[in-house]
Amino acid sequence: MTRSGAMSFQWPGGVNSQLYWHTSAPSYLALKTVPENRVHVSPNRADAFVHSFLAFSLGRVISDDARSPGVEIGRPAGTFRRVRIKSTFGALTVFVTDGHLPYPYGREMTGYEVDNLTETLGKAKAAGVVVLAGPYKARGRATAVVQFPGGYIAEIHSDAGDSTSK
């Protein structure tokens, strides 16, 4: 029997997290790609959040782009700050915005990398998934925001250099 526990806490900027642990290792295959956690933080708390998360996770900033294309947050005419972090806890993307984002942006908590976005979206639609935004290309990714039956919203992306196959 696998035993586990959990602990909840809040980061600077109001981001809530929950850590889980197991006393015996679960048994499943390793993931082909690591899901990307996505958080939205206000400009006045972003640096405190990033500093705190890096200190906790011993992670590193992969990129800190002060002029990311606004299409990623449903504002194609503007730009915003995006910070990507990698740690032993996985991949994290921090969207630094005023929080006033058009639907469905800001409601996706996870991004999933796939080999072939077009093929994946075709299979997803056949299974009842609704494409809410995209697909579009920005900063090396082809991306779509989707809603699964039951209401779960996520971002799905592939390498934009070869978004039809990888």
C-alpha atoms as a PDB file:
ATOM      1  CA  MET A   1       0.000   0.000   0.000  1.00  0.00           C
ATOM      2  CA  THR A   2       1.328   3.415  -0.963  1.00  0.00           C
ATOM      3  CA  ARG A   3       1.176   5.940   1.848  1.00  0.00           C
ATOM      4  CA  SER A   4       1.292   9.618   1.129  1.00  0.00           C
ATOM      5  CA  GLY A   5       0.890  13.049   2.627  1.00  0.00           C
ATOM      6  CA  ALA A   6       0.401  16.623   1.508  1.00  0.00           C
ATOM      7  CA  MET A   7       1.247  20.144   2.599  1.00  0.00           C
ATOM      8  CA  SER A   8      -0.227  23.415   1.274  1.00  0.00           C
ATOM      9  CA  PHE A   9       1.416  26.836   1.322  1.00  0.00           C
ATOM     10  CA  GLN A  10       1.355  30.209  -0.440  1.00  0.00           C
ATOM     11  CA  TRP A  11       4.212  31.954  -2.285  1.00  0.00           C
ATOM     12  CA  PRO A  12       4.731  35.717  -2.509  1.00  0.00           C
ATOM     13  CA  GLY A  13       2.265  37.025  -5.072  1.00  0.00           C
ATOM     14  CA  GLY A  14      -0.574  34.792  -3.842  1.00  0.00           C
ATOM     15  CA  VAL A  15       0.379  31.615  -5.731  1.00  0.00           C
ATOM     16  CA  ASN A  16      -0.891  28.575  -3.837  1.00  0.00           C
ATOM     17  CA  SER A  17       0.971  25.262  -3.995  1.00  0.00           C
ATOM     18  CA  GLN A  18       0.573  21.813  -2.590  1.00  0.00           C
ATOM     19  CA  LEU A  19       3.378  19.286  -2.166  1.00  0.00           C
ATOM     20  CA  TYR A  20       2.672  15.565  -2.068  1.00  0.00           C
ATOM     21  CA  TRP A  21       4.956  12.823  -0.872  1.00  0.00           C
ATOM     22  CA  HIS A  22       4.884   9.058  -0.839  1.00  0.00           C
ATOM     23  CA  THR A  23       6.497   6.745   1.683  1.00  0.00           C
ATOM     24  CA  SER A  24       6.751   4.053  -0.982  1.00  0.00           C
ATOM     25  CA  ALA A  25       7.479   4.830  -4.612  1.00  0.00           C
ATOM     26  CA  PRO A  26       4.525   4.770  -7.007  1.00  0.00           C
ATOM     27  CA  SER A  27       4.848   2.446  -9.967  1.00  0.00           C
ATOM     28  CA  TYR A  28       4.346   4.009 -13.391  1.00  0.00           C
ATOM     29  CA  LEU A  29       6.377   4.749 -16.507  1.00  0.00           C
ATOM     30  CA  ALA A  30       8.437   7.936 -16.686  1.00  0.00           C
ATOM     31  CA  LEU A  31       6.819  10.796 -18.582  1.00  0.00           C
ATOM     32  CA  LYS A  32       8.098  11.462 -22.116  1.00  0.00           C
ATOM     33  CA  THR A  33       7.933  15.218 -21.457  1.00  0.00           C
ATOM     34  CA  VAL A  34       7.553  17.138 -18.207  1.00  0.00           C
ATOM     35  CA  PRO A  35       4.321  19.138 -17.813  1.00  0.00           C
ATOM     36  CA  GLU A  36       4.880  22.856 -17.388  1.00  0.00           C
ATOM     37  CA  ASN A  37       3.234  24.462 -14.382  1.00  0.00           C
ATOM     38  CA  ARG A  38       1.952  27.936 -15.181  1.00  0.00           C
ATOM     39  CA  VAL A  39       1.384  30.728 -12.671  1.00  0.00           C
ATOM     40  CA  HIS A  40       0.221  34.315 -13.067  1.00  0.00           C
ATOM     41  CA  VAL A  41       1.784  36.944 -10.802  1.00  0.00           C
ATOM     42  CA  SER A  42       1.433  40.729 -10.594  1.00  0.00           C
ATOM     43  CA  PRO A  43       4.404  42.906 -11.601  1.00  0.00           C
ATOM     44  CA  ASN A  44       4.910  44.193  -8.051  1.00  0.00           C
ATOM     45  CA  ARG A  45       5.294  40.635  -6.624  1.00  0.00           C
ATOM     46  CA  ALA A  46       6.988  38.808  -9.515  1.00  0.00           C
ATOM     47  CA  ASP A  47      10.583  39.274  -8.371  1.00  0.00           C
ATOM     48  CA  ALA A  48       9.718  38.173  -4.815  1.00  0.00           C
ATOM     49  CA  PHE A  49       7.927  35.098  -6.168  1.00  0.00           C
ATOM     50  CA  VAL A  50      10.808  34.131  -8.481  1.00  0.00           C
ATOM     51  CA  HIS A  51      13.416  34.685  -5.746  1.00  0.00           C
ATOM     52  CA  SER A  52      11.434  32.619  -3.232  1.00  0.00           C
ATOM     53  CA  PHE A  53      10.728  29.787  -5.678  1.00  0.00           C
ATOM     54  CA  LEU A  54      14.367  29.592  -6.772  1.00  0.00           C
ATOM     55  CA  ALA A  55      15.575  29.515  -3.148  1.00  0.00           C
ATOM     56  CA  PHE A  56      13.131  26.712  -2.326  1.00  0.00           C
ATOM     57  CA  SER A  57      13.547  24.624  -5.476  1.00  0.00           C
ATOM     58  CA  LEU A  58      17.253  25.236  -6.118  1.00  0.00           C
ATOM     59  CA  GLY A  59      16.119  25.869  -9.670  1.00  0.00           C
ATOM     60  CA  ARG A  60      17.464  28.179 -12.319  1.00  0.00           C
ATOM     61  CA  VAL A  61      15.946  30.761 -14.627  1.00  0.00           C
ATOM     62  CA  ILE A  62      15.951  29.442 -18.197  1.00  0.00           C
ATOM     63  CA  SER A  63      14.680  32.732 -19.637  1.00  0.00           C
ATOM     64  CA  ASP A  64      13.339  36.064 -18.409  1.00  0.00           C
ATOM     65  CA  ASP A  65      11.753  37.842 -21.347  1.00  0.00           C
ATOM     66  CA  ALA A  66      10.415  41.323 -20.536  1.00  0.00           C
ATOM     67  CA  ARG A  67       8.866  41.627 -24.012  1.00  0.00           C
ATOM     68  CA  SER A  68       7.114  38.311 -24.637  1.00  0.00           C
ATOM     69  CA  PRO A  69       4.464  38.480 -27.362  1.00  0.00           C
ATOM     70  CA  GLY A  70       1.050  39.327 -25.949  1.00  0.00           C
ATOM     71  CA  VAL A  71      -0.610  36.656 -28.104  1.00  0.00           C
ATOM     72  CA  GLU A  72       0.484  34.195 -25.362  1.00  0.00           C
ATOM     73  CA  ILE A  73      -1.949  35.859 -22.935  1.00  0.00           C
ATOM     74  CA  GLY A  74      -4.683  36.884 -25.359  1.00  0.00           C
ATOM     75  CA  ARG A  75      -3.355  40.404 -25.934  1.00  0.00           C
ATOM     76  CA  PRO A  76      -1.831  40.223 -29.433  1.00  0.00           C
ATOM     77  CA  ALA A  77      -1.139  43.976 -29.655  1.00  0.00           C
ATOM     78  CA  GLY A  78       1.069  44.132 -26.542  1.00  0.00           C
ATOM     79  CA  THR A  79       3.888  42.456 -24.648  1.00  0.00           C
ATOM     80  CA  PHE A  80       4.383  41.108 -21.133  1.00  0.00           C
ATOM     81  CA  ARG A  81       7.111  39.585 -18.956  1.00  0.00           C
ATOM     82  CA  ARG A  82       7.513  35.792 -18.977  1.00  0.00           C
ATOM     83  CA  VAL A  83       9.966  33.909 -16.758  1.00  0.00           C
ATOM     84  CA  ARG A  84      10.740  30.229 -17.372  1.00  0.00           C
ATOM     85  CA  ILE A  85      12.259  28.213 -14.517  1.00  0.00           C
ATOM     86  CA  LYS A  86      13.594  24.669 -14.396  1.00  0.00           C
ATOM     87  CA  SER A  87      14.163  22.741 -11.167  1.00  0.00           C
ATOM     88  CA  THR A  88      13.907  19.239  -9.751  1.00  0.00           C
ATOM     89  CA  PHE A  89      10.217  20.095  -9.242  1.00  0.00           C
ATOM     90  CA  GLY A  90       9.830  20.408 -13.018  1.00  0.00           C
ATOM     91  CA  ALA A  91       9.200  23.267 -15.410  1.00  0.00           C
ATOM     92  CA  LEU A  92       7.496  26.483 -14.302  1.00  0.00           C
ATOM     93  CA  THR A  93       6.415  29.438 -16.421  1.00  0.00           C
ATOM     94  CA  VAL A  94       5.634  32.691 -14.633  1.00  0.00           C
ATOM     95  CA  PHE A  95       3.347  35.123 -16.483  1.00  0.00           C
ATOM     96  CA  VAL A  96       3.784  38.629 -15.093  1.00  0.00           C
ATOM     97  CA  THR A  97       0.614  40.580 -15.867  1.00  0.00           C
ATOM     98  CA  ASP A  98      -1.995  42.859 -14.348  1.00  0.00           C
ATOM     99  CA  GLY A  99      -4.318  39.829 -14.145  1.00  0.00           C
ATOM    100  CA  HIS A 100      -6.938  41.299 -16.483  1.00  0.00           C
ATOM    101  CA  LEU A 101      -6.733  38.638 -19.171  1.00  0.00           C
ATOM    102  CA  PRO A 102      -9.369  37.684 -21.723  1.00  0.00           C
ATOM    103  CA  TYR A 103     -10.954  34.246 -21.403  1.00  0.00           C
ATOM    104  CA  PRO A 104      -9.488  31.565 -21.418  1.00  0.00           C
ATOM    105  CA  TYR A 105      -6.046  33.000 -20.574  1.00  0.00           C
ATOM    106  CA  GLY A 106      -5.022  32.851 -16.938  1.00  0.00           C
ATOM    107  CA  ARG A 107      -7.256  29.838 -16.320  1.00  0.00           C
ATOM    108  CA  GLU A 108      -4.780  27.265 -17.644  1.00  0.00           C
ATOM    109  CA  MET A 109      -2.567  25.920 -14.877  1.00  0.00           C
ATOM    110  CA  THR A 110      -0.536  23.475 -16.946  1.00  0.00           C
ATOM    111  CA  GLY A 111       1.119  23.339 -20.349  1.00  0.00           C
ATOM    112  CA  TYR A 112       1.803  20.044 -22.094  1.00  0.00           C
ATOM    113  CA  GLU A 113       4.427  19.491 -24.774  1.00  0.00           C
ATOM    114  CA  VAL A 114       3.440  17.179 -27.629  1.00  0.00           C
ATOM    115  CA  ASP A 115       5.335  15.943 -30.674  1.00  0.00           C
ATOM    116  CA  ASN A 116       2.732  17.065 -33.184  1.00  0.00           C
ATOM    117  CA  LEU A 117       0.277  19.826 -32.239  1.00  0.00           C
ATOM    118  CA  THR A 118      -1.923  19.441 -35.330  1.00  0.00           C
ATOM    119  CA  GLU A 119      -2.283  15.691 -34.822  1.00  0.00           C
ATOM    120  CA  THR A 120      -2.857  16.046 -31.083  1.00  0.00           C
ATOM    121  CA  LEU A 121      -5.563  18.678 -31.587  1.00  0.00           C
ATOM    122  CA  GLY A 122      -7.288  16.418 -34.122  1.00  0.00           C
ATOM    123  CA  LYS A 123      -7.357  13.533 -31.652  1.00  0.00           C
ATOM    124  CA  ALA A 124      -8.427  15.838 -28.837  1.00  0.00           C
ATOM    125  CA  LYS A 125     -11.346  17.283 -30.822  1.00  0.00           C
ATOM    126  CA  ALA A 126     -12.498  13.750 -31.678  1.00  0.00           C
ATOM    127  CA  ALA A 127     -12.514  13.010 -27.927  1.00  0.00           C
ATOM    128  CA  GLY A 128     -14.660  16.060 -27.114  1.00  0.00           C
ATOM    129  CA  VAL A 129     -11.932  18.603 -26.324  1.00  0.00           C
ATOM    130  CA  VAL A 130     -12.733  22.180 -27.396  1.00  0.00           C
ATOM    131  CA  VAL A 131     -10.013  24.476 -28.728  1.00  0.00           C
ATOM    132  CA  LEU A 132     -10.528  27.800 -26.943  1.00  0.00           C
ATOM    133  CA  ALA A 133      -7.595  29.743 -28.430  1.00  0.00           C
ATOM    134  CA  GLY A 134      -5.114  29.147 -31.217  1.00  0.00           C
ATOM    135  CA  PRO A 135      -3.303  27.463 -32.579  1.00  0.00           C
ATOM    136  CA  TYR A 136      -0.769  30.274 -32.912  1.00  0.00           C
ATOM    137  CA  LYS A 137       3.020  30.540 -33.050  1.00  0.00           C
ATOM    138  CA  ALA A 138       5.089  32.564 -30.590  1.00  0.00           C
ATOM    139  CA  ARG A 139       8.719  32.397 -29.437  1.00  0.00           C
ATOM    140  CA  GLY A 140       9.545  28.947 -30.752  1.00  0.00           C
ATOM    141  CA  ARG A 141       6.252  27.262 -29.939  1.00  0.00           C
ATOM    142  CA  ALA A 142       3.048  26.407 -31.728  1.00  0.00           C
ATOM    143  CA  THR A 143       0.356  26.623 -29.052  1.00  0.00           C
ATOM    144  CA  ALA A 144      -3.347  26.123 -28.386  1.00  0.00           C
ATOM    145  CA  VAL A 145      -5.448  26.506 -25.247  1.00  0.00           C
ATOM    146  CA  VAL A 146      -8.014  23.740 -24.861  1.00  0.00           C
ATOM    147  CA  GLN A 147     -10.853  22.734 -22.560  1.00  0.00           C
ATOM    148  CA  PHE A 148     -11.425  19.091 -21.740  1.00  0.00           C
ATOM    149  CA  PRO A 149     -14.847  17.598 -21.002  1.00  0.00           C
ATOM    150  CA  GLY A 150     -15.543  18.492 -17.379  1.00  0.00           C
ATOM    151  CA  GLY A 151     -14.059  21.977 -17.731  1.00  0.00           C
ATOM    152  CA  TYR A 152     -10.283  21.481 -17.243  1.00  0.00           C
ATOM    153  CA  ILE A 153      -8.364  24.111 -19.257  1.00  0.00           C
ATOM    154  CA  ALA A 154      -4.767  23.527 -20.366  1.00  0.00           C
ATOM    155  CA  GLU A 155      -2.229  24.762 -22.875  1.00  0.00           C
ATOM    156  CA  ILE A 156      -0.768  22.324 -25.419  1.00  0.00           C
ATOM    157  CA  HIS A 157       2.361  23.159 -27.407  1.00  0.00           C
ATOM    158  CA  SER A 158       4.992  21.796 -29.732  1.00  0.00           C
ATOM    159  CA  ASP A 159       8.184  23.108 -31.270  1.00  0.00           C
ATOM    160  CA  ALA A 160       7.109  25.810 -33.738  1.00  0.00           C
ATOM    161  CA  GLY A 161      10.061  24.989 -35.951  1.00  0.00           C
ATOM    162  CA  ASP A 162       8.243  21.798 -36.894  1.00  0.00           C
ATOM    163  CA  SER A 163       4.746  21.974 -35.409  1.00  0.00           C
ATOM    164  CA  THR A 164       3.258  19.419 -37.772  1.00  0.00           C
ATOM    165  CA  SER A 165       5.690  16.698 -36.803  1.00  0.00           C
ATOM    166  CA  LYS A 166       8.664  16.321 -34.549  1.00  0.00           C
END
